[in-house]
All heavy atoms as atom14 arrays in JSON, in Angstrom:
{
  "sequence": "KLEGETTVAENNVKETPTYELAKHVGFVFQNPENQLFALSVEKDV",
  "atom14_mask": [
    [1, 1, 1, 1, 1, 1, 1, 1, 1, 0, 0, 0, 0, 0],
    [1, 1, 1, 1, 1, 1, 1, 1, 0, 0, 0, 0, 0, 0],
    [1, 1, 1, 1, 1, 1, 1, 1, 1, 0, 0, 0, 0, 0],
    [1, 1, 1, 1, 0, 0, 0, 0, 0, 0, 0, 0, 0, 0],
    [1, 1, 1, 1, 1, 1, 1, 1, 1, 0, 0, 0, 0, 0],
    [1, 1, 1, 1, 1, 1, 1, 0, 0, 0, 0, 0, 0, 0],
    [1, 1, 1, 1, 1, 1, 1, 0, 0, 0, 0, 0, 0, 0],
    [1, 1, 1, 1, 1, 1, 1, 0, 0, 0, 0, 0, 0, 0],
    [1, 1, 1, 1, 1, 0, 0, 0, 0, 0, 0, 0, 0, 0],
    [1, 1, 1, 1, 1, 1, 1, 1, 1, 0, 0, 0, 0, 0],
    [1, 1, 1, 1, 1, 1, 1, 1, 0, 0, 0, 0, 0, 0],
    [1, 1, 1, 1, 1, 1, 1, 1, 0, 0, 0, 0, 0, 0],
    [1, 1, 1, 1, 1, 1, 1, 0, 0, 0, 0, 0, 0, 0],
    [1, 1, 1, 1, 1, 1, 1, 1, 1, 0, 0, 0, 0, 0],
    [1, 1, 1, 1, 1, 1, 1, 1, 1, 0, 0, 0, 0, 0],
    [1, 1, 1, 1, 1, 1, 1, 0, 0, 0, 0, 0, 0, 0],
    [1, 1, 1, 1, 1, 1, 1, 0, 0, 0, 0, 0, 0, 0],
    [1, 1, 1, 1, 1, 1, 1, 0, 0, 0, 0, 0, 0, 0],
    [1, 1, 1, 1, 1, 1, 1, 1, 1, 1, 1, 1, 0, 0],
    [1, 1, 1, 1, 1, 1, 1, 1, 1, 0, 0, 0, 0, 0],
    [1, 1, 1, 1, 1, 1, 1, 1, 0, 0, 0, 0, 0, 0],
    [1, 1, 1, 1, 1, 0, 0, 0, 0, 0, 0, 0, 0, 0],
    [1, 1, 1, 1, 1, 1, 1, 1, 1, 0, 0, 0, 0, 0],
    [1, 1, 1, 1, 1, 1, 1, 1, 1, 1, 0, 0, 0, 0],
    [1, 1, 1, 1, 1, 1, 1, 0, 0, 0, 0, 0, 0, 0],
    [1, 1, 1, 1, 0, 0, 0, 0, 0, 0, 0, 0, 0, 0],
    [1, 1, 1, 1, 1, 1, 1, 1, 1, 1, 1, 0, 0, 0],
    [1, 1, 1, 1, 1, 1, 1, 0, 0, 0, 0, 0, 0, 0],
    [1, 1, 1, 1, 1, 1, 1, 1, 1, 1, 1, 0, 0, 0],
    [1, 1, 1, 1, 1, 1, 1, 1, 1, 0, 0, 0, 0, 0],
    [1, 1, 1, 1, 1, 1, 1, 1, 0, 0, 0, 0, 0, 0],
    [1, 1, 1, 1, 1, 1, 1, 0, 0, 0, 0, 0, 0, 0],
    [1, 1, 1, 1, 1, 1, 1, 1, 1, 0, 0, 0, 0, 0],
    [1, 1, 1, 1, 1, 1, 1, 1, 0, 0, 0, 0, 0, 0],
    [1, 1, 1, 1, 1, 1, 1, 1, 1, 0, 0, 0, 0, 0],
    [1, 1, 1, 1, 1, 1, 1, 1, 0, 0, 0, 0, 0, 0],
    [1, 1, 1, 1, 1, 1, 1, 1, 1, 1, 1, 0, 0, 0],
    [1, 1, 1, 1, 1, 0, 0, 0, 0, 0, 0, 0, 0, 0],
    [1, 1, 1, 1, 1, 1, 1, 1, 0, 0, 0, 0, 0, 0],
    [1, 1, 1, 1, 1, 1, 0, 0, 0, 0, 0, 0, 0, 0],
    [1, 1, 1, 1, 1, 1, 1, 0, 0, 0, 0, 0, 0, 0],
    [1, 1, 1, 1, 1, 1, 1, 1, 1, 0, 0, 0, 0, 0],
    [1, 1, 1, 1, 1, 1, 1, 1, 1, 0, 0, 0, 0, 0],
    [1, 1, 1, 1, 1, 1, 1, 1, 0, 0, 0, 0, 0, 0],
    [1, 1, 1, 1, 1, 1, 1, 0, 0, 0, 0, 0, 0, 0]
  ],
  "atom14_positions": [
    [[19.91, -123.92, -24.34], [18.75, -123.14, -24.81], [17.82, -122.86, -23.63], [17.31, -123.79, -23.0], [18.01, -123.92, -25.89], [16.84, -123.14, -26.49], [16.09, -123.97, -27.51], [14.91, -123.19, -28.08], [14.08, -124.03, -28.97], [0.0, 0.0, 0.0], [0.0, 0.0, 0.0], [0.0, 0.0, 0.0], [0.0, 0.0, 0.0], [0.0, 0.0, 0.0]],
    [[17.6, -121.59, -23.34], [16.76, -121.18, -22.22], [15.56, -120.4, -22.73], [15.71, -119.45, -23.5], [17.57, -120.32, -21.24], [16.82, -119.79, -20.01], [16.42, -120.93, -19.08], [17.67, -118.77, -19.25], [0.0, 0.0, 0.0], [0.0, 0.0, 0.0], [0.0, 0.0, 0.0], [0.0, 0.0, 0.0], [0.0, 0.0, 0.0], [0.0, 0.0, 0.0]],
    [[14.37, -120.82, -22.28], [13.14, -120.08, -22.6], [12.41, -119.78, -21.31], [12.56, -120.48, -20.31], [12.24, -120.93, -23.5], [12.87, -121.31, -24.83], [12.04, -122.38, -25.55], [11.0, -122.01, -26.12], [12.43, -123.56, -25.49], [0.0, 0.0, 0.0], [0.0, 0.0, 0.0], [0.0, 0.0, 0.0], [0.0, 0.0, 0.0], [0.0, 0.0, 0.0]],
    [[11.6, -118.73, -21.32], [10.85, -118.35, -20.12], [11.63, -117.32, -19.3], [12.67, -116.8, -19.74], [0.0, 0.0, 0.0], [0.0, 0.0, 0.0], [0.0, 0.0, 0.0], [0.0, 0.0, 0.0], [0.0, 0.0, 0.0], [0.0, 0.0, 0.0], [0.0, 0.0, 0.0], [0.0, 0.0, 0.0], [0.0, 0.0, 0.0], [0.0, 0.0, 0.0]],
    [[11.12, -117.05, -18.1], [11.72, -115.98, -17.27], [12.03, -116.46, -15.87], [11.31, -117.28, -15.3], [10.72, -114.81, -17.14], [10.56, -113.97, -18.37], [9.53, -112.87, -18.14], [9.4, -112.39, -17.0], [8.84, -112.52, -19.11], [0.0, 0.0, 0.0], [0.0, 0.0, 0.0], [0.0, 0.0, 0.0], [0.0, 0.0, 0.0], [0.0, 0.0, 0.0]],
    [[13.09, -115.9, -15.28], [13.41, -116.1, -13.87], [13.69, -114.73, -13.26], [14.53, -113.98, -13.78], [14.66, -116.98, -13.68], [14.51, -118.18, -14.42], [14.86, -117.34, -12.21], [0.0, 0.0, 0.0], [0.0, 0.0, 0.0], [0.0, 0.0, 0.0], [0.0, 0.0, 0.0], [0.0, 0.0, 0.0], [0.0, 0.0, 0.0], [0.0, 0.0, 0.0]],
    [[13.01, -114.43, -12.16], [13.24, -113.19, -11.43], [13.67, -113.54, -10.02], [13.01, -114.33, -9.35], [11.96, -112.32, -11.38], [11.47, -112.15, -12.71], [12.23, -110.97, -10.75], [0.0, 0.0, 0.0], [0.0, 0.0, 0.0], [0.0, 0.0, 0.0], [0.0, 0.0, 0.0], [0.0, 0.0, 0.0], [0.0, 0.0, 0.0], [0.0, 0.0, 0.0]],
    [[14.78, -112.96, -9.57], [15.28, -113.19, -8.21], [15.57, -111.84, -7.56], [16.34, -111.04, -8.1], [16.57, -114.05, -8.23], [17.12, -114.21, -6.82], [16.3, -115.42, -8.83], [0.0, 0.0, 0.0], [0.0, 0.0, 0.0], [0.0, 0.0, 0.0], [0.0, 0.0, 0.0], [0.0, 0.0, 0.0], [0.0, 0.0, 0.0], [0.0, 0.0, 0.0]],
    [[14.92, -111.58, -6.43], [15.08, -110.3, -5.71], [14.91, -109.13, -6.68], [15.72, -108.19, -6.7], [16.43, -110.25, -5.01], [0.0, 0.0, 0.0], [0.0, 0.0, 0.0], [0.0, 0.0, 0.0], [0.0, 0.0, 0.0], [0.0, 0.0, 0.0], [0.0, 0.0, 0.0], [0.0, 0.0, 0.0], [0.0, 0.0, 0.0], [0.0, 0.0, 0.0]],
    [[13.88, -109.22, -7.52], [13.51, -108.2, -8.5], [14.52, -108.03, -9.63], [14.49, -107.06, -10.37], [13.25, -106.85, -7.81], [12.1, -106.94, -6.79], [11.8, -105.61, -6.11], [12.49, -104.61, -6.43], [10.89, -105.58, -5.28], [0.0, 0.0, 0.0], [0.0, 0.0, 0.0], [0.0, 0.0, 0.0], [0.0, 0.0, 0.0], [0.0, 0.0, 0.0]],
    [[15.45, -108.98, -9.77], [16.42, -108.96, -10.87], [16.04, -110.0, -11.91], [15.81, -111.16, -11.56], [17.83, -109.28, -10.37], [18.38, -108.21, -9.46], [18.86, -107.18, -9.92], [18.32, -108.44, -8.17], [0.0, 0.0, 0.0], [0.0, 0.0, 0.0], [0.0, 0.0, 0.0], [0.0, 0.0, 0.0], [0.0, 0.0, 0.0], [0.0, 0.0, 0.0]],
    [[16.0, -109.58, -13.18], [15.81, -110.53, -14.27], [17.14, -111.26, -14.47], [18.15, -110.65, -14.81], [15.4, -109.78, -15.55], [15.12, -110.73, -16.7], [15.85, -111.68, -16.92], [14.06, -110.45, -17.44], [0.0, 0.0, 0.0], [0.0, 0.0, 0.0], [0.0, 0.0, 0.0], [0.0, 0.0, 0.0], [0.0, 0.0, 0.0], [0.0, 0.0, 0.0]],
    [[17.14, -112.59, -14.22], [18.4, -113.35, -14.2], [19.11, -113.31, -15.56], [20.33, -113.22, -15.62], [18.14, -114.81, -13.74], [19.37, -115.68, -13.95], [17.75, -114.83, -12.27], [0.0, 0.0, 0.0], [0.0, 0.0, 0.0], [0.0, 0.0, 0.0], [0.0, 0.0, 0.0], [0.0, 0.0, 0.0], [0.0, 0.0, 0.0], [0.0, 0.0, 0.0]],
    [[18.35, -113.33, -16.64], [18.96, -113.3, -17.98], [19.78, -112.02, -18.19], [20.82, -112.03, -18.83], [17.86, -113.36, -19.06], [17.48, -114.74, -19.5], [16.49, -114.62, -20.66], [15.81, -115.94, -20.96], [14.71, -115.79, -21.92], [0.0, 0.0, 0.0], [0.0, 0.0, 0.0], [0.0, 0.0, 0.0], [0.0, 0.0, 0.0], [0.0, 0.0, 0.0]],
    [[19.28, -110.92, -17.62], [19.88, -109.61, -17.89], [20.84, -109.16, -16.79], [21.46, -108.1, -16.9], [18.77, -108.57, -18.05], [17.87, -108.85, -19.24], [16.59, -108.02, -19.22], [16.45, -107.18, -18.31], [15.75, -108.22, -20.1], [0.0, 0.0, 0.0], [0.0, 0.0, 0.0], [0.0, 0.0, 0.0], [0.0, 0.0, 0.0], [0.0, 0.0, 0.0]],
    [[20.99, -109.95, -15.72], [21.8, -109.53, -14.58], [23.07, -110.38, -14.5], [22.99, -111.6, -14.47], [21.0, -109.68, -13.26], [19.74, -109.04, -13.41], [21.75, -109.07, -12.09], [0.0, 0.0, 0.0], [0.0, 0.0, 0.0], [0.0, 0.0, 0.0], [0.0, 0.0, 0.0], [0.0, 0.0, 0.0], [0.0, 0.0, 0.0], [0.0, 0.0, 0.0]],
    [[24.25, -109.75, -14.46], [25.49, -110.54, -14.39], [25.59, -111.32, -13.08], [25.0, -110.93, -12.07], [26.6, -109.49, -14.5], [25.96, -108.17, -14.22], [24.51, -108.3, -14.54], [0.0, 0.0, 0.0], [0.0, 0.0, 0.0], [0.0, 0.0, 0.0], [0.0, 0.0, 0.0], [0.0, 0.0, 0.0], [0.0, 0.0, 0.0], [0.0, 0.0, 0.0]],
    [[26.35, -112.41, -13.1], [26.42, -113.29, -11.93], [27.0, -112.59, -10.7], [26.6, -112.87, -9.58], [27.24, -114.56, -12.23], [28.46, -114.17, -12.87], [26.49, -115.51, -13.12], [0.0, 0.0, 0.0], [0.0, 0.0, 0.0], [0.0, 0.0, 0.0], [0.0, 0.0, 0.0], [0.0, 0.0, 0.0], [0.0, 0.0, 0.0], [0.0, 0.0, 0.0]],
    [[27.96, -111.66, -10.9], [28.54, -110.99, -9.73], [27.5, -110.13, -9.02], [27.55, -109.94, -7.81], [29.78, -110.17, -10.11], [29.51, -108.98, -11.03], [29.04, -107.77, -10.52], [29.75, -109.07, -12.39], [28.8, -106.69, -11.35], [29.5, -108.0, -13.24], [29.03, -106.81, -12.72], [28.77, -105.75, -13.54], [0.0, 0.0, 0.0], [0.0, 0.0, 0.0]],
    [[26.53, -109.63, -9.78], [25.44, -108.84, -9.17], [24.46, -109.76, -8.46], [24.0, -109.47, -7.35], [24.73, -108.03, -10.28], [23.77, -106.97, -9.77], [24.46, -105.88, -8.96], [25.56, -105.44, -9.32], [23.87, -105.51, -7.92], [0.0, 0.0, 0.0], [0.0, 0.0, 0.0], [0.0, 0.0, 0.0], [0.0, 0.0, 0.0], [0.0, 0.0, 0.0]],
    [[24.14, -110.89, -9.09], [23.23, -111.87, -8.46], [23.84, -112.44, -7.18], [23.11, -112.77, -6.24], [22.93, -113.01, -9.44], [22.0, -112.65, -10.61], [22.03, -113.75, -11.66], [20.58, -112.4, -10.14], [0.0, 0.0, 0.0], [0.0, 0.0, 0.0], [0.0, 0.0, 0.0], [0.0, 0.0, 0.0], [0.0, 0.0, 0.0], [0.0, 0.0, 0.0]],
    [[25.18, -112.53, -7.12], [25.86, -113.08, -5.93], [25.6, -112.24, -4.69], [25.76, -112.73, -3.57], [27.36, -113.19, -6.19], [0.0, 0.0, 0.0], [0.0, 0.0, 0.0], [0.0, 0.0, 0.0], [0.0, 0.0, 0.0], [0.0, 0.0, 0.0], [0.0, 0.0, 0.0], [0.0, 0.0, 0.0], [0.0, 0.0, 0.0], [0.0, 0.0, 0.0]],
    [[25.21, -110.99, -4.86], [24.88, -110.13, -3.7], [23.54, -110.54, -3.09], [23.25, -110.22, -1.94], [24.82, -108.66, -4.13], [26.14, -108.11, -4.61], [25.97, -106.7, -5.14], [27.28, -106.18, -5.74], [27.1, -104.85, -6.36], [0.0, 0.0, 0.0], [0.0, 0.0, 0.0], [0.0, 0.0, 0.0], [0.0, 0.0, 0.0], [0.0, 0.0, 0.0]],
    [[22.73, -111.23, -3.87], [21.36, -111.61, -3.42], [21.22, -113.1, -3.14], [20.41, -113.5, -2.32], [20.34, -111.21, -4.49], [20.37, -109.77, -4.84], [19.79, -108.8, -4.06], [20.94, -109.13, -5.89], [19.99, -107.61, -4.61], [20.68, -107.78, -5.73], [0.0, 0.0, 0.0], [0.0, 0.0, 0.0], [0.0, 0.0, 0.0], [0.0, 0.0, 0.0]],
    [[22.01, -113.92, -3.87], [21.84, -115.38, -3.79], [23.16, -116.06, -3.48], [24.16, -115.83, -4.16], [21.32, -115.95, -5.14], [21.07, -117.44, -5.03], [20.05, -115.25, -5.57], [0.0, 0.0, 0.0], [0.0, 0.0, 0.0], [0.0, 0.0, 0.0], [0.0, 0.0, 0.0], [0.0, 0.0, 0.0], [0.0, 0.0, 0.0], [0.0, 0.0, 0.0]],
    [[23.16, -116.9, -2.44], [24.33, -117.71, -2.12], [24.03, -119.17, -2.45], [22.9, -119.62, -2.27], [0.0, 0.0, 0.0], [0.0, 0.0, 0.0], [0.0, 0.0, 0.0], [0.0, 0.0, 0.0], [0.0, 0.0, 0.0], [0.0, 0.0, 0.0], [0.0, 0.0, 0.0], [0.0, 0.0, 0.0], [0.0, 0.0, 0.0], [0.0, 0.0, 0.0]],
    [[25.04, -119.89, -2.93], [24.84, -121.28, -3.37], [25.82, -122.19, -2.62], [27.03, -121.97, -2.66], [25.09, -121.38, -4.88], [24.44, -122.55, -5.55], [23.38, -122.38, -6.42], [24.89, -123.85, -5.33], [22.78, -123.46, -7.06], [24.3, -124.93, -5.95], [23.24, -124.74, -6.81], [0.0, 0.0, 0.0], [0.0, 0.0, 0.0], [0.0, 0.0, 0.0]],
    [[25.28, -123.19, -1.92], [26.12, -124.19, -1.24], [26.03, -125.48, -2.03], [24.95, -126.04, -2.19], [25.66, -124.41, 0.22], [26.51, -125.49, 0.89], [25.74, -123.11, 1.02], [0.0, 0.0, 0.0], [0.0, 0.0, 0.0], [0.0, 0.0, 0.0], [0.0, 0.0, 0.0], [0.0, 0.0, 0.0], [0.0, 0.0, 0.0], [0.0, 0.0, 0.0]],
    [[27.17, -125.95, -2.53], [27.18, -127.1, -3.42], [27.1, -128.42, -2.65], [27.3, -128.47, -1.43], [28.43, -127.08, -4.3], [28.45, -125.95, -5.27], [29.0, -124.72, -4.91], [27.89, -126.09, -6.53], [28.99, -123.66, -5.81], [27.89, -125.03, -7.43], [28.44, -123.81, -7.07], [0.0, 0.0, 0.0], [0.0, 0.0, 0.0], [0.0, 0.0, 0.0]],
    [[26.83, -129.49, -3.39], [26.68, -130.82, -2.81], [27.95, -131.26, -2.11], [27.91, -131.79, -1.0], [26.32, -131.79, -3.94], [25.91, -133.16, -3.47], [25.45, -134.02, -4.64], [26.18, -134.21, -5.6], [24.25, -134.52, -4.58], [0.0, 0.0, 0.0], [0.0, 0.0, 0.0], [0.0, 0.0, 0.0], [0.0, 0.0, 0.0], [0.0, 0.0, 0.0]],
    [[29.09, -131.04, -2.75], [30.37, -131.43, -2.17], [31.12, -130.18, -1.73], [31.56, -129.39, -2.57], [31.2, -132.2, -3.2], [32.49, -132.75, -2.61], [32.89, -132.35, -1.52], [33.14, -133.63, -3.33], [0.0, 0.0, 0.0], [0.0, 0.0, 0.0], [0.0, 0.0, 0.0], [0.0, 0.0, 0.0], [0.0, 0.0, 0.0], [0.0, 0.0, 0.0]],
    [[31.29, -129.95, -0.41], [31.92, -128.71, 0.06], [33.33, -128.52, -0.47], [33.79, -127.39, -0.62], [31.92, -128.86, 1.59], [31.74, -130.31, 1.86], [30.95, -130.85, 0.72], [0.0, 0.0, 0.0], [0.0, 0.0, 0.0], [0.0, 0.0, 0.0], [0.0, 0.0, 0.0], [0.0, 0.0, 0.0], [0.0, 0.0, 0.0], [0.0, 0.0, 0.0]],
    [[34.02, -129.62, -0.79], [35.4, -129.5, -1.3], [35.45, -128.71, -2.61], [36.48, -128.15, -2.97], [36.02, -130.88, -1.48], [36.34, -131.56, -0.16], [37.03, -132.91, -0.35], [37.09, -133.37, -1.5], [37.49, -133.47, 0.65], [0.0, 0.0, 0.0], [0.0, 0.0, 0.0], [0.0, 0.0, 0.0], [0.0, 0.0, 0.0], [0.0, 0.0, 0.0]],
    [[34.3, -128.67, -3.32], [34.26, -127.94, -4.6], [34.33, -126.44, -4.4], [34.58, -125.71, -5.36], [32.98, -128.28, -5.38], [33.01, -129.69, -5.92], [34.06, -130.32, -5.93], [31.87, -130.21, -6.33], [0.0, 0.0, 0.0], [0.0, 0.0, 0.0], [0.0, 0.0, 0.0], [0.0, 0.0, 0.0], [0.0, 0.0, 0.0], [0.0, 0.0, 0.0]],
    [[34.05, -125.94, -3.19], [34.09, -124.49, -3.0], [35.05, -124.05, -1.9], [35.05, -122.9, -1.5], [32.69, -123.92, -2.78], [31.95, -124.4, -1.56], [30.48, -123.98, -1.61], [29.62, -124.82, -1.79], [30.17, -122.71, -1.42], [0.0, 0.0, 0.0], [0.0, 0.0, 0.0], [0.0, 0.0, 0.0], [0.0, 0.0, 0.0], [0.0, 0.0, 0.0]],
    [[35.88, -124.98, -1.41], [36.88, -124.63, -0.41], [38.28, -124.84, -1.0], [38.59, -125.91, -1.51], [36.72, -125.51, 0.84], [35.35, -125.47, 1.52], [35.32, -126.42, 2.71], [34.98, -124.06, 1.97], [0.0, 0.0, 0.0], [0.0, 0.0, 0.0], [0.0, 0.0, 0.0], [0.0, 0.0, 0.0], [0.0, 0.0, 0.0], [0.0, 0.0, 0.0]],
    [[39.12, -123.82, -0.93], [40.43, -123.93, -1.58], [41.52, -123.12, -0.88], [42.7, -123.27, -1.17], [40.33, -123.45, -3.05], [39.7, -122.1, -3.17], [40.45, -120.96, -3.0], [38.35, -121.98, -3.41], [39.86, -119.71, -3.08], [37.74, -120.74, -3.49], [38.51, -119.59, -3.33], [0.0, 0.0, 0.0], [0.0, 0.0, 0.0], [0.0, 0.0, 0.0]],
    [[41.16, -122.27, 0.08], [42.15, -121.41, 0.74], [42.95, -122.2, 1.77], [42.66, -123.36, 2.07], [41.46, -120.22, 1.39], [0.0, 0.0, 0.0], [0.0, 0.0, 0.0], [0.0, 0.0, 0.0], [0.0, 0.0, 0.0], [0.0, 0.0, 0.0], [0.0, 0.0, 0.0], [0.0, 0.0, 0.0], [0.0, 0.0, 0.0], [0.0, 0.0, 0.0]],
    [[43.98, -121.55, 2.33], [44.87, -122.22, 3.28], [44.3, -122.26, 4.7], [44.78, -123.0, 5.54], [46.24, -121.53, 3.3], [47.02, -121.61, 1.98], [48.31, -120.8, 2.07], [47.33, -123.05, 1.62], [0.0, 0.0, 0.0], [0.0, 0.0, 0.0], [0.0, 0.0, 0.0], [0.0, 0.0, 0.0], [0.0, 0.0, 0.0], [0.0, 0.0, 0.0]],
    [[43.29, -121.42, 4.96], [42.65, -121.46, 6.28], [41.16, -121.24, 6.12], [40.69, -120.69, 5.12], [43.24, -120.38, 7.2], [42.77, -119.1, 6.81], [0.0, 0.0, 0.0], [0.0, 0.0, 0.0], [0.0, 0.0, 0.0], [0.0, 0.0, 0.0], [0.0, 0.0, 0.0], [0.0, 0.0, 0.0], [0.0, 0.0, 0.0], [0.0, 0.0, 0.0]],
    [[40.41, -121.66, 7.15], [38.95, -121.52, 7.15], [38.55, -120.06, 7.0], [37.7, -119.7, 6.18], [38.37, -122.12, 8.44], [36.93, -121.67, 8.67], [38.45, -123.65, 8.41], [0.0, 0.0, 0.0], [0.0, 0.0, 0.0], [0.0, 0.0, 0.0], [0.0, 0.0, 0.0], [0.0, 0.0, 0.0], [0.0, 0.0, 0.0], [0.0, 0.0, 0.0]],
    [[39.17, -119.16, 7.79], [38.72, -117.76, 7.74], [39.04, -117.11, 6.39], [38.29, -116.26, 5.92], [39.26, -116.96, 8.91], [40.73, -116.73, 8.97], [41.13, -115.88, 10.18], [40.24, -115.45, 10.94], [42.34, -115.67, 10.36], [0.0, 0.0, 0.0], [0.0, 0.0, 0.0], [0.0, 0.0, 0.0], [0.0, 0.0, 0.0], [0.0, 0.0, 0.0]],
    [[40.13, -117.55, 5.73], [40.43, -117.0, 4.4], [39.38, -117.45, 3.38], [39.01, -116.7, 2.48], [41.83, -117.42, 3.95], [42.91, -116.6, 4.64], [44.3, -117.0, 4.22], [45.34, -116.12, 4.93], [46.7, -116.61, 4.76], [0.0, 0.0, 0.0], [0.0, 0.0, 0.0], [0.0, 0.0, 0.0], [0.0, 0.0, 0.0], [0.0, 0.0, 0.0]],
    [[38.91, -118.7, 3.52], [37.85, -119.19, 2.64], [36.57, -118.38, 2.84], [35.89, -118.01, 1.88], [37.56, -120.68, 2.92], [37.97, -121.55, 1.74], [37.74, -121.13, 0.6], [38.51, -122.64, 1.97], [0.0, 0.0, 0.0], [0.0, 0.0, 0.0], [0.0, 0.0, 0.0], [0.0, 0.0, 0.0], [0.0, 0.0, 0.0], [0.0, 0.0, 0.0]],
    [[36.24, -118.11, 4.1], [35.01, -117.37, 4.41], [35.11, -115.93, 3.92], [34.12, -115.32, 3.51], [34.71, -117.43, 5.93], [33.5, -116.59, 6.3], [34.46, -118.89, 6.36], [0.0, 0.0, 0.0], [0.0, 0.0, 0.0], [0.0, 0.0, 0.0], [0.0, 0.0, 0.0], [0.0, 0.0, 0.0], [0.0, 0.0, 0.0], [0.0, 0.0, 0.0]]
  ]
}
C-alpha cells in the first residue's frame, strides 16, 4: 500500500514505467553479485 507522491527528474513515479525511470535513475545494490550475471565484465556493462 503506497500513499503520497514521489517525483524523480520531473516524472511521477506511480505513473511512469520502470524502463522509463531507468533512463534517469541507476541503482547499485548492496551485493554486486545480485546484478552481475554475464560471461564477461564488458557484457555486463
